[in-house]
Amino acid sequence: MHDHDDPADSSTSHRQPHGHERTLVARELARRYHEGHSLHRVAADSGYSYGRVRQLLLESGVALRPRGGSRTRTPRSSDPS
């Protein structure tokens, strides 16, 4: 993900994107999030902070998943052993 043409490249990690760049960054971050990556993973891969990624996703209208990720529950056995 650290391609030089990638708007979410870590070279932009220490400044806030503006204008068209901000739209491109938000779109790429949203794509990764919609692919199932966690906010923490998207942040780590992009070089942006967790807070910046969350802010950009929310500003873009992305509905965030509940905390804790997806958990599938397995039925408990009724056997008290």
PDB file of N, CA and C in Angstrom:
ATOM      1  N   MET A   1       0.808  -1.189   0.000  1.00  0.00           N
ATOM      2  CA  MET A   1       0.000   0.000   0.000  1.00  0.00           C
ATOM      3  C   MET A   1       0.854   1.257   0.000  1.00  0.00           C
ATOM      4  N   HIS A   2       2.114   1.127   0.091  1.00  0.00           N
ATOM      5  CA  HIS A   2       2.981   2.293   0.142  1.00  0.00           C
ATOM      6  C   HIS A   2       3.553   2.620  -1.236  1.00  0.00           C
ATOM      7  N   ASP A   3       2.687   2.670  -2.226  1.00  0.00           N
ATOM      8  CA  ASP A   3       3.042   3.050  -3.572  1.00  0.00           C
ATOM      9  C   ASP A   3       3.138   4.571  -3.630  1.00  0.00           C
ATOM     10  N   HIS A   4       4.028   5.101  -4.432  1.00  0.00           N
ATOM     11  CA  HIS A   4       4.212   6.555  -4.497  1.00  0.00           C
ATOM     12  C   HIS A   4       2.981   7.279  -5.024  1.00  0.00           C
ATOM     13  N   ASP A   5       2.146   6.601  -5.807  1.00  0.00           N
ATOM     14  CA  ASP A   5       0.935   7.218  -6.329  1.00  0.00           C
ATOM     15  C   ASP A   5      -0.245   7.061  -5.385  1.00  0.00           C
ATOM     16  N   ASP A   6      -0.060   6.362  -4.291  1.00  0.00           N
ATOM     17  CA  ASP A   6      -1.150   6.087  -3.355  1.00  0.00           C
ATOM     18  C   ASP A   6      -1.393   7.308  -2.478  1.00  0.00           C
ATOM     19  N   PRO A   7      -2.613   7.866  -2.502  1.00  0.00           N
ATOM     20  CA  PRO A   7      -2.887   9.061  -1.706  1.00  0.00           C
ATOM     21  C   PRO A   7      -2.844   8.805  -0.210  1.00  0.00           C
ATOM     22  N   ALA A   8      -2.921   7.552   0.213  1.00  0.00           N
ATOM     23  CA  ALA A   8      -2.868   7.230   1.639  1.00  0.00           C
ATOM     24  C   ALA A   8      -1.468   6.783   2.043  1.00  0.00           C
ATOM     25  N   ASP A   9      -0.472   7.063   1.216  1.00  0.00           N
ATOM     26  CA  ASP A   9       0.911   6.692   1.496  1.00  0.00           C
ATOM     27  C   ASP A   9       1.391   7.361   2.780  1.00  0.00           C
ATOM     28  N   SER A  10       2.305   6.695   3.480  1.00  0.00           N
ATOM     29  CA  SER A  10       2.796   7.222   4.755  1.00  0.00           C
ATOM     30  C   SER A  10       3.555   8.537   4.590  1.00  0.00           C
ATOM     31  N   SER A  11       3.922   8.925   3.374  1.00  0.00           N
ATOM     32  CA  SER A  11       4.607  10.207   3.192  1.00  0.00           C
ATOM     33  C   SER A  11       3.696  11.369   3.572  1.00  0.00           C
ATOM     34  N   THR A  12       2.390  11.135   3.656  1.00  0.00           N
ATOM     35  CA  THR A  12       1.444  12.171   4.040  1.00  0.00           C
ATOM     36  C   THR A  12       1.048  12.054   5.503  1.00  0.00           C
ATOM     37  N   SER A  13       1.709  11.186   6.248  1.00  0.00           N
ATOM     38  CA  SER A  13       1.251  10.849   7.592  1.00  0.00           C
ATOM     39  C   SER A  13       1.417  11.966   8.605  1.00  0.00           C
ATOM     40  N   HIS A  14       2.267  12.930   8.361  1.00  0.00           N
ATOM     41  CA  HIS A  14       2.525  13.944   9.372  1.00  0.00           C
ATOM     42  C   HIS A  14       1.828  15.271   9.090  1.00  0.00           C
ATOM     43  N   ARG A  15       0.921  15.258   8.118  1.00  0.00           N
ATOM     44  CA  ARG A  15       0.155  16.459   7.863  1.00  0.00           C
ATOM     45  C   ARG A  15      -1.257  16.057   7.487  1.00  0.00           C
ATOM     46  N   GLN A  16      -2.157  16.984   7.698  1.00  0.00           N
ATOM     47  CA  GLN A  16      -3.556  16.727   7.389  1.00  0.00           C
ATOM     48  C   GLN A  16      -3.799  17.002   5.919  1.00  0.00           C
ATOM     49  N   PRO A  17      -4.406  16.044   5.200  1.00  0.00           N
ATOM     50  CA  PRO A  17      -4.682  16.287   3.782  1.00  0.00           C
ATOM     51  C   PRO A  17      -5.794  17.326   3.621  1.00  0.00           C
ATOM     52  N   HIS A  18      -5.739  18.082   2.532  1.00  0.00           N
ATOM     53  CA  HIS A  18      -6.735  19.125   2.267  1.00  0.00           C
ATOM     54  C   HIS A  18      -7.273  18.974   0.855  1.00  0.00           C
ATOM     55  N   GLY A  19      -8.459  19.512   0.644  1.00  0.00           N
ATOM     56  CA  GLY A  19      -9.048  19.581  -0.690  1.00  0.00           C
ATOM     57  C   GLY A  19      -9.193  18.235  -1.367  1.00  0.00           C
ATOM     58  N   HIS A  20      -8.783  18.193  -2.625  1.00  0.00           N
ATOM     59  CA  HIS A  20      -8.914  16.984  -3.442  1.00  0.00           C
ATOM     60  C   HIS A  20      -8.109  15.837  -2.841  1.00  0.00           C
ATOM     61  N   GLU A  21      -6.933  16.141  -2.308  1.00  0.00           N
ATOM     62  CA  GLU A  21      -6.100  15.104  -1.687  1.00  0.00           C
ATOM     63  C   GLU A  21      -6.856  14.445  -0.533  1.00  0.00           C
ATOM     64  N   ARG A  22      -7.556  15.247   0.261  1.00  0.00           N
ATOM     65  CA  ARG A  22      -8.323  14.724   1.393  1.00  0.00           C
ATOM     66  C   ARG A  22      -9.407  13.760   0.908  1.00  0.00           C
ATOM     67  N   THR A  23     -10.073  14.121  -0.182  1.00  0.00           N
ATOM     68  CA  THR A  23     -11.109  13.259  -0.760  1.00  0.00           C
ATOM     69  C   THR A  23     -10.515  11.943  -1.223  1.00  0.00           C
ATOM     70  N   LEU A  24      -9.365  12.005  -1.892  1.00  0.00           N
ATOM     71  CA  LEU A  24      -8.713  10.792  -2.379  1.00  0.00           C
ATOM     72  C   LEU A  24      -8.259   9.902  -1.222  1.00  0.00           C
ATOM     73  N   VAL A  25      -7.679  10.512  -0.206  1.00  0.00           N
ATOM     74  CA  VAL A  25      -7.218   9.757   0.962  1.00  0.00           C
ATOM     75  C   VAL A  25      -8.408   9.089   1.640  1.00  0.00           C
ATOM     76  N   ALA A  26      -9.473   9.851   1.860  1.00  0.00           N
ATOM     77  CA  ALA A  26     -10.660   9.309   2.529  1.00  0.00           C
ATOM     78  C   ALA A  26     -11.251   8.159   1.723  1.00  0.00           C
ATOM     79  N   ARG A  27     -11.282   8.291   0.415  1.00  0.00           N
ATOM     80  CA  ARG A  27     -11.825   7.235  -0.446  1.00  0.00           C
ATOM     81  C   ARG A  27     -11.002   5.953  -0.321  1.00  0.00           C
ATOM     82  N   GLU A  28      -9.684   6.088  -0.319  1.00  0.00           N
ATOM     83  CA  GLU A  28      -8.817   4.910  -0.201  1.00  0.00           C
ATOM     84  C   GLU A  28      -8.950   4.263   1.178  1.00  0.00           C
ATOM     85  N   LEU A  29      -9.000   5.081   2.215  1.00  0.00           N
ATOM     86  CA  LEU A  29      -9.157   4.538   3.566  1.00  0.00           C
ATOM     87  C   LEU A  29     -10.499   3.830   3.695  1.00  0.00           C
ATOM     88  N   ALA A  30     -11.548   4.409   3.129  1.00  0.00           N
ATOM     89  CA  ALA A  30     -12.878   3.792   3.172  1.00  0.00           C
ATOM     90  C   ALA A  30     -12.883   2.464   2.422  1.00  0.00           C
ATOM     91  N   ARG A  31     -12.203   2.412   1.302  1.00  0.00           N
ATOM     92  CA  ARG A  31     -12.120   1.160   0.535  1.00  0.00           C
ATOM     93  C   ARG A  31     -11.512   0.059   1.378  1.00  0.00           C
ATOM     94  N   ARG A  32     -10.419   0.375   2.043  1.00  0.00           N
ATOM     95  CA  ARG A  32      -9.735  -0.628   2.875  1.00  0.00           C
ATOM     96  C   ARG A  32     -10.622  -1.048   4.050  1.00  0.00           C
ATOM     97  N   TYR A  33     -11.307  -0.087   4.659  1.00  0.00           N
ATOM     98  CA  TYR A  33     -12.185  -0.389   5.784  1.00  0.00           C
ATOM     99  C   TYR A  33     -13.351  -1.275   5.327  1.00  0.00           C
ATOM    100  N   HIS A  34     -13.918  -0.968   4.167  1.00  0.00           N
ATOM    101  CA  HIS A  34     -15.025  -1.766   3.634  1.00  0.00           C
ATOM    102  C   HIS A  34     -14.579  -3.164   3.224  1.00  0.00           C
ATOM    103  N   GLU A  35     -13.293  -3.331   2.948  1.00  0.00           N
ATOM    104  CA  GLU A  35     -12.762  -4.660   2.648  1.00  0.00           C
ATOM    105  C   GLU A  35     -12.692  -5.527   3.900  1.00  0.00           C
ATOM    106  N   GLY A  36     -12.911  -4.921   5.067  1.00  0.00           N
ATOM    107  CA  GLY A  36     -12.919  -5.684   6.308  1.00  0.00           C
ATOM    108  C   GLY A  36     -11.759  -5.398   7.236  1.00  0.00           C
ATOM    109  N   HIS A  37     -10.849  -4.519   6.828  1.00  0.00           N
ATOM    110  CA  HIS A  37      -9.723  -4.177   7.693  1.00  0.00           C
ATOM    111  C   HIS A  37     -10.208  -3.342   8.876  1.00  0.00           C
ATOM    112  N   SER A  38      -9.582  -3.514  10.016  1.00  0.00           N
ATOM    113  CA  SER A  38      -9.935  -2.737  11.201  1.00  0.00           C
ATOM    114  C   SER A  38      -9.412  -1.308  11.063  1.00  0.00           C
ATOM    115  N   LEU A  39      -9.963  -0.415  11.882  1.00  0.00           N
ATOM    116  CA  LEU A  39      -9.451   0.959  11.895  1.00  0.00           C
ATOM    117  C   LEU A  39      -7.963   0.968  12.230  1.00  0.00           C
ATOM    118  N   HIS A  40      -7.573   0.132  13.194  1.00  0.00           N
ATOM    119  CA  HIS A  40      -6.158   0.078  13.576  1.00  0.00           C
ATOM    120  C   HIS A  40      -5.283  -0.380  12.411  1.00  0.00           C
ATOM    121  N   ARG A  41      -5.752  -1.375  11.648  1.00  0.00           N
ATOM    122  CA  ARG A  41      -4.993  -1.878  10.499  1.00  0.00           C
ATOM    123  C   ARG A  41      -4.900  -0.811   9.413  1.00  0.00           C
ATOM    124  N   VAL A  42      -6.018  -0.152   9.121  1.00  0.00           N
ATOM    125  CA  VAL A  42      -6.030   0.894   8.096  1.00  0.00           C
ATOM    126  C   VAL A  42      -5.064   2.011   8.497  1.00  0.00           C
ATOM    127  N   ALA A  43      -5.098   2.384   9.773  1.00  0.00           N
ATOM    128  CA  ALA A  43      -4.199   3.435  10.260  1.00  0.00           C
ATOM    129  C   ALA A  43      -2.740   3.005  10.130  1.00  0.00           C
ATOM    130  N   ALA A  44      -2.433   1.803  10.576  1.00  0.00           N
ATOM    131  CA  ALA A  44      -1.047   1.321  10.522  1.00  0.00           C
ATOM    132  C   ALA A  44      -0.544   1.240   9.083  1.00  0.00           C
ATOM    133  N   ASP A  45      -1.376   0.729   8.188  1.00  0.00           N
ATOM    134  CA  ASP A  45      -0.966   0.578   6.792  1.00  0.00           C
ATOM    135  C   ASP A  45      -0.820   1.916   6.075  1.00  0.00           C
ATOM    136  N   SER A  46      -1.626   2.898   6.470  1.00  0.00           N
ATOM    137  CA  SER A  46      -1.604   4.189   5.770  1.00  0.00           C
ATOM    138  C   SER A  46      -0.591   5.166   6.346  1.00  0.00           C
ATOM    139  N   GLY A  47      -0.215   4.966   7.610  1.00  0.00           N
ATOM    140  CA  GLY A  47       0.685   5.908   8.256  1.00  0.00           C
ATOM    141  C   GLY A  47      -0.048   7.033   8.968  1.00  0.00           C
ATOM    142  N   TYR A  48      -1.377   7.066   8.841  1.00  0.00           N
ATOM    143  CA  TYR A  48      -2.171   8.055   9.560  1.00  0.00           C
ATOM    144  C   TYR A  48      -2.496   7.513  10.945  1.00  0.00           C
ATOM    145  N   SER A  49      -2.785   8.413  11.871  1.00  0.00           N
ATOM    146  CA  SER A  49      -3.150   7.986  13.215  1.00  0.00           C
ATOM    147  C   SER A  49      -4.548   7.376  13.195  1.00  0.00           C
ATOM    148  N   TYR A  50      -4.843   6.596  14.221  1.00  0.00           N
ATOM    149  CA  TYR A  50      -6.174   6.010  14.384  1.00  0.00           C
ATOM    150  C   TYR A  50      -7.236   7.114  14.363  1.00  0.00           C
ATOM    151  N   GLY A  51      -6.992   8.178  15.112  1.00  0.00           N
ATOM    152  CA  GLY A  51      -7.943   9.282  15.191  1.00  0.00           C
ATOM    153  C   GLY A  51      -8.173   9.958  13.850  1.00  0.00           C
ATOM    154  N   ARG A  52      -7.108  10.148  13.074  1.00  0.00           N
ATOM    155  CA  ARG A  52      -7.235  10.786  11.752  1.00  0.00           C
ATOM    156  C   ARG A  52      -8.035   9.885  10.819  1.00  0.00           C
ATOM    157  N   VAL A  53      -7.746   8.584  10.834  1.00  0.00           N
ATOM    158  CA  VAL A  53      -8.485   7.652   9.972  1.00  0.00           C
ATOM    159  C   VAL A  53      -9.957   7.658  10.356  1.00  0.00           C
ATOM    160  N   ARG A  54     -10.241   7.587  11.636  1.00  0.00           N
ATOM    161  CA  ARG A  54     -11.630   7.581  12.114  1.00  0.00           C
ATOM    162  C   ARG A  54     -12.337   8.868  11.674  1.00  0.00           C
ATOM    163  N   GLN A  55     -11.665  10.006  11.834  1.00  0.00           N
ATOM    164  CA  GLN A  55     -12.233  11.298  11.456  1.00  0.00           C
ATOM    165  C   GLN A  55     -12.543  11.342   9.958  1.00  0.00           C
ATOM    166  N   LEU A  56     -11.615  10.912   9.137  1.00  0.00           N
ATOM    167  CA  LEU A  56     -11.811  10.947   7.689  1.00  0.00           C
ATOM    168  C   LEU A  56     -12.944  10.016   7.265  1.00  0.00           C
ATOM    169  N   LEU A  57     -13.025   8.838   7.884  1.00  0.00           N
ATOM    170  CA  LEU A  57     -14.101   7.911   7.544  1.00  0.00           C
ATOM    171  C   LEU A  57     -15.459   8.489   7.926  1.00  0.00           C
ATOM    172  N   LEU A  58     -15.548   9.050   9.128  1.00  0.00           N
ATOM    173  CA  LEU A  58     -16.813   9.628   9.576  1.00  0.00           C
ATOM    174  C   LEU A  58     -17.222  10.811   8.696  1.00  0.00           C
ATOM    175  N   GLU A  59     -16.266  11.661   8.348  1.00  0.00           N
ATOM    176  CA  GLU A  59     -16.554  12.803   7.477  1.00  0.00           C
ATOM    177  C   GLU A  59     -17.021  12.355   6.095  1.00  0.00           C
ATOM    178  N   SER A  60     -16.597  11.160   5.694  1.00  0.00           N
ATOM    179  CA  SER A  60     -16.975  10.624   4.386  1.00  0.00           C
ATOM    180  C   SER A  60     -18.301   9.884   4.433  1.00  0.00           C
ATOM    181  N   GLY A  61     -18.897   9.798   5.620  1.00  0.00           N
ATOM    182  CA  GLY A  61     -20.188   9.140   5.748  1.00  0.00           C
ATOM    183  C   GLY A  61     -20.121   7.643   5.910  1.00  0.00           C
ATOM    184  N   VAL A  62     -18.940   7.120   6.233  1.00  0.00           N
ATOM    185  CA  VAL A  62     -18.788   5.680   6.430  1.00  0.00           C
ATOM    186  C   VAL A  62     -19.398   5.292   7.775  1.00  0.00           C
ATOM    187  N   ALA A  63     -20.247   4.275   7.769  1.00  0.00           N
ATOM    188  CA  ALA A  63     -20.817   3.753   9.010  1.00  0.00           C
ATOM    189  C   ALA A  63     -19.794   2.810   9.636  1.00  0.00           C
ATOM    190  N   LEU A  64     -19.317   3.173  10.808  1.00  0.00           N
ATOM    191  CA  LEU A  64     -18.297   2.364  11.463  1.00  0.00           C
ATOM    192  C   LEU A  64     -18.919   1.129  12.103  1.00  0.00           C
ATOM    193  N   ARG A  65     -18.163   0.042  12.045  1.00  0.00           N
ATOM    194  CA  ARG A  65     -18.606  -1.200  12.675  1.00  0.00           C
ATOM    195  C   ARG A  65     -18.490  -1.074  14.182  1.00  0.00           C
ATOM    196  N   PRO A  66     -19.253  -1.883  14.930  1.00  0.00           N
ATOM    197  CA  PRO A  66     -19.122  -1.872  16.387  1.00  0.00           C
ATOM    198  C   PRO A  66     -17.712  -2.270  16.798  1.00  0.00           C
ATOM    199  N   ARG A  67     -17.286  -1.804  17.942  1.00  0.00           N
ATOM    200  CA  ARG A  67     -15.955  -2.144  18.455  1.00  0.00           C
ATOM    201  C   ARG A  67     -15.855  -3.637  18.710  1.00  0.00           C
ATOM    202  N   GLY A  68     -14.648  -4.147  18.606  1.00  0.00           N
ATOM    203  CA  GLY A  68     -14.396  -5.542  18.935  1.00  0.00           C
ATOM    204  C   GLY A  68     -14.407  -6.485  17.750  1.00  0.00           C
ATOM    205  N   GLY A  69     -14.727  -5.976  16.583  1.00  0.00           N
ATOM    206  CA  GLY A  69     -14.712  -6.830  15.401  1.00  0.00           C
ATOM    207  C   GLY A  69     -15.839  -7.834  15.389  1.00  0.00           C
ATOM    208  N   SER A  70     -15.820  -8.674  14.387  1.00  0.00           N
ATOM    209  CA  SER A  70     -16.876  -9.672  14.290  1.00  0.00           C
ATOM    210  C   SER A  70     -16.510 -10.871  15.149  1.00  0.00           C
ATOM    211  N   ARG A  71     -17.452 -11.284  15.921  1.00  0.00           N
ATOM    212  CA  ARG A  71     -17.243 -12.453  16.778  1.00  0.00           C
ATOM    213  C   ARG A  71     -18.378 -13.422  16.527  1.00  0.00           C
ATOM    214  N   THR A  72     -18.017 -14.612  16.165  1.00  0.00           N
ATOM    215  CA  THR A  72     -19.046 -15.626  16.006  1.00  0.00           C
ATOM    216  C   THR A  72     -19.088 -16.430  17.285  1.00  0.00           C
ATOM    217  N   ARG A  73     -20.269 -16.617  17.783  1.00  0.00           N
ATOM    218  CA  ARG A  73     -20.426 -17.350  19.035  1.00  0.00           C
ATOM    219  C   ARG A  73     -20.678 -18.808  18.728  1.00  0.00           C
ATOM    220  N   THR A  74     -20.032 -19.643  19.491  1.00  0.00           N
ATOM    221  CA  THR A  74     -20.273 -21.059  19.367  1.00  0.00           C
ATOM    222  C   THR A  74     -21.213 -21.485  20.475  1.00  0.00           C
ATOM    223  N   PRO A  75     -22.164 -22.315  20.149  1.00  0.00           N
ATOM    224  CA  PRO A  75     -23.096 -22.730  21.187  1.00  0.00           C
ATOM    225  C   PRO A  75     -22.373 -23.488  22.306  1.00  0.00           C
ATOM    226  N   ARG A  76     -22.751 -23.182  23.523  1.00  0.00           N
ATOM    227  CA  ARG A  76     -22.162 -23.881  24.654  1.00  0.00           C
ATOM    228  C   ARG A  76     -22.861 -25.209  24.851  1.00  0.00           C
ATOM    229  N   SER A  77     -22.078 -26.147  25.242  1.00  0.00           N
ATOM    230  CA  SER A  77     -22.631 -27.460  25.506  1.00  0.00           C
ATOM    231  C   SER A  77     -23.398 -27.429  26.825  1.00  0.00           C
ATOM    232  N   SER A  78     -24.507 -28.122  26.872  1.00  0.00           N
ATOM    233  CA  SER A  78     -25.271 -28.175  28.119  1.00  0.00           C
ATOM    234  C   SER A  78     -24.718 -29.219  29.057  1.00  0.00           C
ATOM    235  N   ASP A  79     -23.694 -29.938  28.618  1.00  0.00           N
ATOM    236  CA  ASP A  79     -23.060 -30.958  29.435  1.00  0.00           C
ATOM    237  C   ASP A  79     -22.194 -30.296  30.489  1.00  0.00           C
ATOM    238  N   PRO A  80     -22.493 -30.467  31.807  1.00  0.00           N
ATOM    239  CA  PRO A  80     -21.731 -29.780  32.869  1.00  0.00           C
ATOM    240  C   PRO A  80     -20.353 -30.372  33.133  1.00  0.00           C
ATOM    241  N   SER A  81     -19.805 -31.203  32.284  1.00  0.00           N
ATOM    242  CA  SER A  81     -18.510 -31.820  32.560  1.00  0.00           C
ATOM    243  C   SER A  81     -17.455 -30.826  32.453  1.00  0.00           C
TER     244      SER A  81
END
